[in-house]
Amino acid sequence: MLASLDDLKDFLGFPTVNSEDAPLNICLLSADAIMRNYCNRNFERTTFDQLLTPADTCTILVPQIPLTAVVGMTAFQYANDTIGYGCTMDYVKFFRSGNIYSPEGVFNPFMNSVQVVYTAGYTEEDPEWFTLKWIQLEVAGELFRGRGVLNMTQYQSGGAQWQRALSTETTGSGGEITAMLSPEVIMMLNMFAIRGPRIDY
């Protein structure tokens, strides 16, 4: 998780030891879940092992970004293959945007045919980490201040009610969480959200 309980207490100006630790921790965990759901991604540097569908014979788009390393890839020619062939990494080019290119055109775009092991995400050395940490603290703080109107435990599971509360609808039973967030926080979340085409960088 990006921020710790002590980070949140310091952010809110609370003493290190206080009686609000339990609800503060729930809000912090909920903020983490909200950010991942809203942005459709993880943030901490992690190694993933996923079977992916190529976009075409030369391109694979991994779901997690920023892509920092491709550990290995195994291509399967047919859907029922159990033994694939390794892609030589010297001709594979990858970008932080999550696009992996092979000029050899070895990928089959008609099936989930390439097993990709890769690392993606940020570390504390990345400047984006501090921005994301600030966002989590802001979201957790807003959730804590609004805890009287929200049952926070229900917003960690990703259920239907949780989804409605996170939606952009602010009428009826939807959008309770999104309505609590400042325009600045929503703007920053949108900067990290994975939606639509990606630009290589």
C-alpha atoms as a PDB file:
ATOM      1  CA  MET A   1       0.000   0.000   0.000  1.00  0.00           C
ATOM      2  CA  LEU A   2       1.238   3.474  -0.822  1.00  0.00           C
ATOM      3  CA  ALA A   3       0.555   5.183   2.517  1.00  0.00           C
ATOM      4  CA  SER A   4       0.711   3.877   6.085  1.00  0.00           C
ATOM      5  CA  LEU A   5      -1.568   4.496   9.035  1.00  0.00           C
ATOM      6  CA  ASP A   6       1.075   6.781  10.542  1.00  0.00           C
ATOM      7  CA  ASP A   7       1.206   8.713   7.266  1.00  0.00           C
ATOM      8  CA  LEU A   8      -2.556   9.250   7.443  1.00  0.00           C
ATOM      9  CA  LYS A   9      -2.496  10.367  11.066  1.00  0.00           C
ATOM     10  CA  ASP A  10       0.302  12.808  10.291  1.00  0.00           C
ATOM     11  CA  PHE A  11      -1.613  14.043   7.212  1.00  0.00           C
ATOM     12  CA  LEU A  12      -4.721  14.697   9.321  1.00  0.00           C
ATOM     13  CA  GLY A  13      -2.754  16.170  12.229  1.00  0.00           C
ATOM     14  CA  PHE A  14      -3.740  13.397  14.649  1.00  0.00           C
ATOM     15  CA  PRO A  15      -1.506  12.213  17.494  1.00  0.00           C
ATOM     16  CA  THR A  16       0.431   8.998  16.925  1.00  0.00           C
ATOM     17  CA  VAL A  17      -1.626   7.153  19.534  1.00  0.00           C
ATOM     18  CA  ASN A  18      -5.370   7.786  19.440  1.00  0.00           C
ATOM     19  CA  SER A  19      -8.690   5.984  19.611  1.00  0.00           C
ATOM     20  CA  GLU A  20      -9.453   6.436  15.917  1.00  0.00           C
ATOM     21  CA  ASP A  21      -6.879   3.949  14.601  1.00  0.00           C
ATOM     22  CA  ALA A  22      -9.454   1.315  13.583  1.00  0.00           C
ATOM     23  CA  PRO A  23     -11.698   3.591  11.460  1.00  0.00           C
ATOM     24  CA  LEU A  24      -8.640   5.381  10.064  1.00  0.00           C
ATOM     25  CA  ASN A  25      -7.182   2.071   8.919  1.00  0.00           C
ATOM     26  CA  ILE A  26     -10.487   1.062   7.302  1.00  0.00           C
ATOM     27  CA  CYS A  27     -10.553   4.373   5.434  1.00  0.00           C
ATOM     28  CA  LEU A  28      -6.949   3.903   4.318  1.00  0.00           C
ATOM     29  CA  LEU A  29      -7.649   0.390   2.995  1.00  0.00           C
ATOM     30  CA  SER A  30     -10.832   1.607   1.332  1.00  0.00           C
ATOM     31  CA  ALA A  31      -8.954   4.476  -0.323  1.00  0.00           C
ATOM     32  CA  ASP A  32      -6.445   1.986  -1.703  1.00  0.00           C
ATOM     33  CA  ALA A  33      -9.268  -0.157  -3.134  1.00  0.00           C
ATOM     34  CA  ILE A  34     -11.072   2.882  -4.536  1.00  0.00           C
ATOM     35  CA  MET A  35      -7.947   4.078  -6.354  1.00  0.00           C
ATOM     36  CA  ARG A  36      -7.264   0.657  -7.890  1.00  0.00           C
ATOM     37  CA  ASN A  37     -10.858   0.279  -9.013  1.00  0.00           C
ATOM     38  CA  TYR A  38     -11.208   3.813 -10.355  1.00  0.00           C
ATOM     39  CA  CYS A  39      -7.903   3.665 -12.249  1.00  0.00           C
ATOM     40  CA  ASN A  40      -8.262  -0.001 -13.285  1.00  0.00           C
ATOM     41  CA  ARG A  41      -4.699  -0.848 -12.251  1.00  0.00           C
ATOM     42  CA  ASN A  42      -2.241  -1.660  -9.495  1.00  0.00           C
ATOM     43  CA  PHE A  43       0.375   0.887  -8.500  1.00  0.00           C
ATOM     44  CA  GLU A  44       3.165  -0.870  -6.556  1.00  0.00           C
ATOM     45  CA  ARG A  45       5.934  -2.557  -8.575  1.00  0.00           C
ATOM     46  CA  THR A  46       4.870  -6.197  -9.012  1.00  0.00           C
ATOM     47  CA  THR A  47       5.768  -9.165 -11.219  1.00  0.00           C
ATOM     48  CA  PHE A  48       2.825 -10.485 -13.243  1.00  0.00           C
ATOM     49  CA  ASP A  49       2.440 -13.787 -15.095  1.00  0.00           C
ATOM     50  CA  GLN A  50      -0.486 -13.515 -17.505  1.00  0.00           C
ATOM     51  CA  LEU A  51      -1.841 -15.254 -20.594  1.00  0.00           C
ATOM     52  CA  LEU A  52      -2.655 -12.444 -23.005  1.00  0.00           C
ATOM     53  CA  THR A  53      -4.313 -11.977 -26.367  1.00  0.00           C
ATOM     54  CA  PRO A  54      -2.103 -10.163 -28.893  1.00  0.00           C
ATOM     55  CA  ALA A  55      -3.549  -7.070 -30.520  1.00  0.00           C
ATOM     56  CA  ASP A  56      -2.013  -8.205 -33.824  1.00  0.00           C
ATOM     57  CA  THR A  57       0.880 -10.367 -35.017  1.00  0.00           C
ATOM     58  CA  CYS A  58       3.429  -7.848 -33.728  1.00  0.00           C
ATOM     59  CA  THR A  59       1.866  -6.288 -30.629  1.00  0.00           C
ATOM     60  CA  ILE A  60       0.835  -7.285 -27.107  1.00  0.00           C
ATOM     61  CA  LEU A  61      -0.687  -4.817 -24.677  1.00  0.00           C
ATOM     62  CA  VAL A  62      -0.174  -5.757 -21.026  1.00  0.00           C
ATOM     63  CA  PRO A  63      -2.897  -4.602 -18.602  1.00  0.00           C
ATOM     64  CA  GLN A  64      -0.592  -3.200 -15.928  1.00  0.00           C
ATOM     65  CA  ILE A  65       1.593  -0.109 -16.375  1.00  0.00           C
ATOM     66  CA  PRO A  66       4.139   1.366 -16.275  1.00  0.00           C
ATOM     67  CA  LEU A  67       5.799  -1.658 -17.856  1.00  0.00           C
ATOM     68  CA  THR A  68       9.356  -1.746 -16.510  1.00  0.00           C
ATOM     69  CA  ALA A  69      10.700  -5.122 -17.670  1.00  0.00           C
ATOM     70  CA  VAL A  70       9.701  -8.162 -19.700  1.00  0.00           C
ATOM     71  CA  VAL A  71      11.065 -11.235 -17.954  1.00  0.00           C
ATOM     72  CA  GLY A  72       9.957 -13.771 -20.551  1.00  0.00           C
ATOM     73  CA  MET A  73       7.323 -14.640 -23.112  1.00  0.00           C
ATOM     74  CA  THR A  74       6.074 -17.975 -24.403  1.00  0.00           C
ATOM     75  CA  ALA A  75       4.012 -18.044 -27.589  1.00  0.00           C
ATOM     76  CA  PHE A  76       1.476 -20.771 -28.388  1.00  0.00           C
ATOM     77  CA  GLN A  77       0.636 -21.345 -32.029  1.00  0.00           C
ATOM     78  CA  TYR A  78      -2.720 -23.058 -31.444  1.00  0.00           C
ATOM     79  CA  ALA A  79      -5.393 -22.773 -28.761  1.00  0.00           C
ATOM     80  CA  ASN A  80      -4.868 -26.301 -27.373  1.00  0.00           C
ATOM     81  CA  ASP A  81      -1.067 -26.179 -27.302  1.00  0.00           C
ATOM     82  CA  THR A  82       0.512 -27.100 -23.982  1.00  0.00           C
ATOM     83  CA  ILE A  83       4.078 -26.541 -25.150  1.00  0.00           C
ATOM     84  CA  GLY A  84       5.000 -23.174 -26.586  1.00  0.00           C
ATOM     85  CA  TYR A  85       8.173 -21.603 -27.820  1.00  0.00           C
ATOM     86  CA  GLY A  86      10.057 -18.860 -26.073  1.00  0.00           C
ATOM     87  CA  CYS A  87      10.300 -15.457 -27.689  1.00  0.00           C
ATOM     88  CA  THR A  88      13.885 -14.249 -27.901  1.00  0.00           C
ATOM     89  CA  MET A  89      14.041 -11.080 -25.876  1.00  0.00           C
ATOM     90  CA  ASP A  90      16.642  -9.352 -28.040  1.00  0.00           C
ATOM     91  CA  TYR A  91      14.039  -8.339 -30.605  1.00  0.00           C
ATOM     92  CA  VAL A  92      11.213  -7.558 -28.221  1.00  0.00           C
ATOM     93  CA  LYS A  93      10.749  -3.845 -27.567  1.00  0.00           C
ATOM     94  CA  PHE A  94       8.612  -2.672 -24.685  1.00  0.00           C
ATOM     95  CA  PHE A  95       7.480   0.692 -23.449  1.00  0.00           C
ATOM     96  CA  ARG A  96       6.261   2.057 -20.119  1.00  0.00           C
ATOM     97  CA  SER A  97       2.860   2.423 -21.784  1.00  0.00           C
ATOM     98  CA  GLY A  98       2.515  -1.369 -21.764  1.00  0.00           C
ATOM     99  CA  ASN A  99       3.009  -2.047 -25.481  1.00  0.00           C
ATOM    100  CA  ILE A 100       5.322  -4.955 -26.364  1.00  0.00           C
ATOM    101  CA  TYR A 101       6.399  -5.159 -29.999  1.00  0.00           C
ATOM    102  CA  SER A 102       7.941  -7.997 -31.967  1.00  0.00           C
ATOM    103  CA  PRO A 103       9.163  -7.076 -35.456  1.00  0.00           C
ATOM    104  CA  GLU A 104       9.197 -10.786 -36.288  1.00  0.00           C
ATOM    105  CA  GLY A 105       5.383 -10.966 -36.178  1.00  0.00           C
ATOM    106  CA  VAL A 106       5.323 -14.155 -34.083  1.00  0.00           C
ATOM    107  CA  PHE A 107       2.129 -13.473 -32.124  1.00  0.00           C
ATOM    108  CA  ASN A 108      -1.223 -15.049 -32.972  1.00  0.00           C
ATOM    109  CA  PRO A 109      -3.965 -12.430 -32.504  1.00  0.00           C
ATOM    110  CA  PHE A 110      -6.850 -14.913 -32.656  1.00  0.00           C
ATOM    111  CA  MET A 111      -6.438 -16.546 -29.248  1.00  0.00           C
ATOM    112  CA  ASN A 112      -5.004 -16.041 -25.760  1.00  0.00           C
ATOM    113  CA  SER A 113      -1.717 -17.353 -27.007  1.00  0.00           C
ATOM    114  CA  VAL A 114       1.182 -15.582 -25.316  1.00  0.00           C
ATOM    115  CA  GLN A 115       2.236 -16.147 -21.718  1.00  0.00           C
ATOM    116  CA  VAL A 116       3.948 -12.970 -20.540  1.00  0.00           C
ATOM    117  CA  VAL A 117       5.971 -12.564 -17.365  1.00  0.00           C
ATOM    118  CA  TYR A 118       6.643  -8.889 -16.725  1.00  0.00           C
ATOM    119  CA  THR A 119       7.092  -6.309 -14.006  1.00  0.00           C
ATOM    120  CA  ALA A 120       5.033  -3.140 -13.817  1.00  0.00           C
ATOM    121  CA  GLY A 121       4.279  -0.409 -11.333  1.00  0.00           C
ATOM    122  CA  TYR A 122       6.049   2.236  -9.305  1.00  0.00           C
ATOM    123  CA  THR A 123       8.555   2.225  -6.464  1.00  0.00           C
ATOM    124  CA  GLU A 124       9.275   4.909  -3.896  1.00  0.00           C
ATOM    125  CA  GLU A 125      12.063   6.174  -6.150  1.00  0.00           C
ATOM    126  CA  ASP A 126       9.548   7.170  -8.835  1.00  0.00           C
ATOM    127  CA  PRO A 127       8.118  10.725  -8.668  1.00  0.00           C
ATOM    128  CA  GLU A 128       4.637   9.331  -9.371  1.00  0.00           C
ATOM    129  CA  TRP A 129       4.752   7.441  -6.070  1.00  0.00           C
ATOM    130  CA  PHE A 130       4.492  10.631  -4.024  1.00  0.00           C
ATOM    131  CA  THR A 131       1.578  11.903  -6.094  1.00  0.00           C
ATOM    132  CA  LEU A 132      -0.271   8.603  -5.666  1.00  0.00           C
ATOM    133  CA  LYS A 133       0.479   8.603  -1.948  1.00  0.00           C
ATOM    134  CA  TRP A 134      -0.981  12.105  -1.656  1.00  0.00           C
ATOM    135  CA  ILE A 135      -4.092  10.965  -3.532  1.00  0.00           C
ATOM    136  CA  GLN A 136      -4.559   8.012  -1.169  1.00  0.00           C
ATOM    137  CA  LEU A 137      -4.205  10.251   1.868  1.00  0.00           C
ATOM    138  CA  GLU A 138      -6.674  12.770   0.427  1.00  0.00           C
ATOM    139  CA  VAL A 139      -9.214  10.032  -0.378  1.00  0.00           C
ATOM    140  CA  ALA A 140      -8.783   8.378   3.025  1.00  0.00           C
ATOM    141  CA  GLY A 141      -9.177  11.734   4.749  1.00  0.00           C
ATOM    142  CA  GLU A 142     -12.389  12.476   2.865  1.00  0.00           C
ATOM    143  CA  LEU A 143     -13.723   9.018   3.695  1.00  0.00           C
ATOM    144  CA  PHE A 144     -12.881   9.509   7.359  1.00  0.00           C
ATOM    145  CA  ARG A 145     -14.627  12.868   7.489  1.00  0.00           C
ATOM    146  CA  GLY A 146     -17.675  11.368   5.760  1.00  0.00           C
ATOM    147  CA  ARG A 147     -17.743   8.097   7.692  1.00  0.00           C
ATOM    148  CA  GLY A 148     -21.023   9.034   9.344  1.00  0.00           C
ATOM    149  CA  VAL A 149     -22.901   8.613   6.060  1.00  0.00           C
ATOM    150  CA  LEU A 150     -20.920   5.665   4.688  1.00  0.00           C
ATOM    151  CA  ASN A 151     -20.593   2.090   5.912  1.00  0.00           C
ATOM    152  CA  MET A 152     -16.912   1.905   5.047  1.00  0.00           C
ATOM    153  CA  THR A 153     -16.505  -1.871   5.378  1.00  0.00           C
ATOM    154  CA  GLN A 154     -18.735  -2.428   2.351  1.00  0.00           C
ATOM    155  CA  TYR A 155     -16.439  -0.385   0.114  1.00  0.00           C
ATOM    156  CA  GLN A 156     -13.489  -2.776   0.287  1.00  0.00           C
ATOM    157  CA  SER A 157     -15.074  -5.788  -1.427  1.00  0.00           C
ATOM    158  CA  GLY A 158     -15.894  -4.348  -4.845  1.00  0.00           C
ATOM    159  CA  GLY A 159     -19.556  -5.369  -4.674  1.00  0.00           C
ATOM    160  CA  ALA A 160     -22.420  -3.771  -6.583  1.00  0.00           C
ATOM    161  CA  GLN A 161     -23.150  -1.200  -3.874  1.00  0.00           C
ATOM    162  CA  TRP A 162     -19.466  -0.305  -3.756  1.00  0.00           C
ATOM    163  CA  GLN A 163     -19.430   0.124  -7.543  1.00  0.00           C
ATOM    164  CA  ARG A 164     -22.461   2.427  -7.468  1.00  0.00           C
ATOM    165  CA  ALA A 165     -20.929   4.537  -4.718  1.00  0.00           C
ATOM    166  CA  LEU A 166     -17.785   4.967  -6.821  1.00  0.00           C
ATOM    167  CA  SER A 167     -19.667   5.845 -10.001  1.00  0.00           C
ATOM    168  CA  THR A 168     -19.984   9.344 -11.395  1.00  0.00           C
ATOM    169  CA  GLU A 169     -23.715   9.310 -10.702  1.00  0.00           C
ATOM    170  CA  THR A 170     -24.477  11.573  -7.747  1.00  0.00           C
ATOM    171  CA  THR A 171     -28.229  11.054  -7.537  1.00  0.00           C
ATOM    172  CA  GLY A 172     -30.202   8.285  -5.883  1.00  0.00           C
ATOM    173  CA  SER A 173     -28.001   5.545  -4.444  1.00  0.00           C
ATOM    174  CA  GLY A 174     -24.953   6.154  -6.631  1.00  0.00           C
ATOM    175  CA  GLY A 175     -21.826   8.251  -6.471  1.00  0.00           C
ATOM    176  CA  GLU A 176     -21.601   8.731  -2.710  1.00  0.00           C
ATOM    177  CA  ILE A 177     -17.830   8.305  -2.701  1.00  0.00           C
ATOM    178  CA  THR A 178     -17.067  10.216  -5.891  1.00  0.00           C
ATOM    179  CA  ALA A 179     -19.228  13.123  -4.706  1.00  0.00           C
ATOM    180  CA  MET A 180     -17.078  13.403  -1.571  1.00  0.00           C
ATOM    181  CA  LEU A 181     -13.833  13.852  -3.493  1.00  0.00           C
ATOM    182  CA  SER A 182     -12.507  17.235  -4.516  1.00  0.00           C
ATOM    183  CA  PRO A 183     -12.157  18.139  -8.215  1.00  0.00           C
ATOM    184  CA  GLU A 184      -8.378  18.143  -7.722  1.00  0.00           C
ATOM    185  CA  VAL A 185      -8.401  14.518  -6.503  1.00  0.00           C
ATOM    186  CA  ILE A 186     -10.687  13.413  -9.343  1.00  0.00           C
ATOM    187  CA  MET A 187      -8.385  15.147 -11.834  1.00  0.00           C
ATOM    188  CA  MET A 188      -5.338  13.377 -10.412  1.00  0.00           C
ATOM    189  CA  LEU A 189      -7.108  10.005 -10.433  1.00  0.00           C
ATOM    190  CA  ASN A 190      -8.012  10.524 -14.078  1.00  0.00           C
ATOM    191  CA  MET A 191      -4.334  11.119 -14.868  1.00  0.00           C
ATOM    192  CA  PHE A 192      -3.522   7.610 -13.627  1.00  0.00           C
ATOM    193  CA  ALA A 193      -6.630   5.850 -14.950  1.00  0.00           C
ATOM    194  CA  ILE A 194      -6.190   3.313 -17.750  1.00  0.00           C
ATOM    195  CA  ARG A 195      -8.793   4.101 -20.379  1.00  0.00           C
ATOM    196  CA  GLY A 196      -8.650   4.140 -24.170  1.00  0.00           C
ATOM    197  CA  PRO A 197      -5.523   3.976 -26.365  1.00  0.00           C
ATOM    198  CA  ARG A 198      -2.057   4.454 -24.859  1.00  0.00           C
ATOM    199  CA  ILE A 199       0.823   6.546 -26.116  1.00  0.00           C
ATOM    200  CA  ASP A 200       4.282   4.936 -26.101  1.00  0.00           C
ATOM    201  CA  TYR A 201       6.802   6.560 -23.810  1.00  0.00           C
END
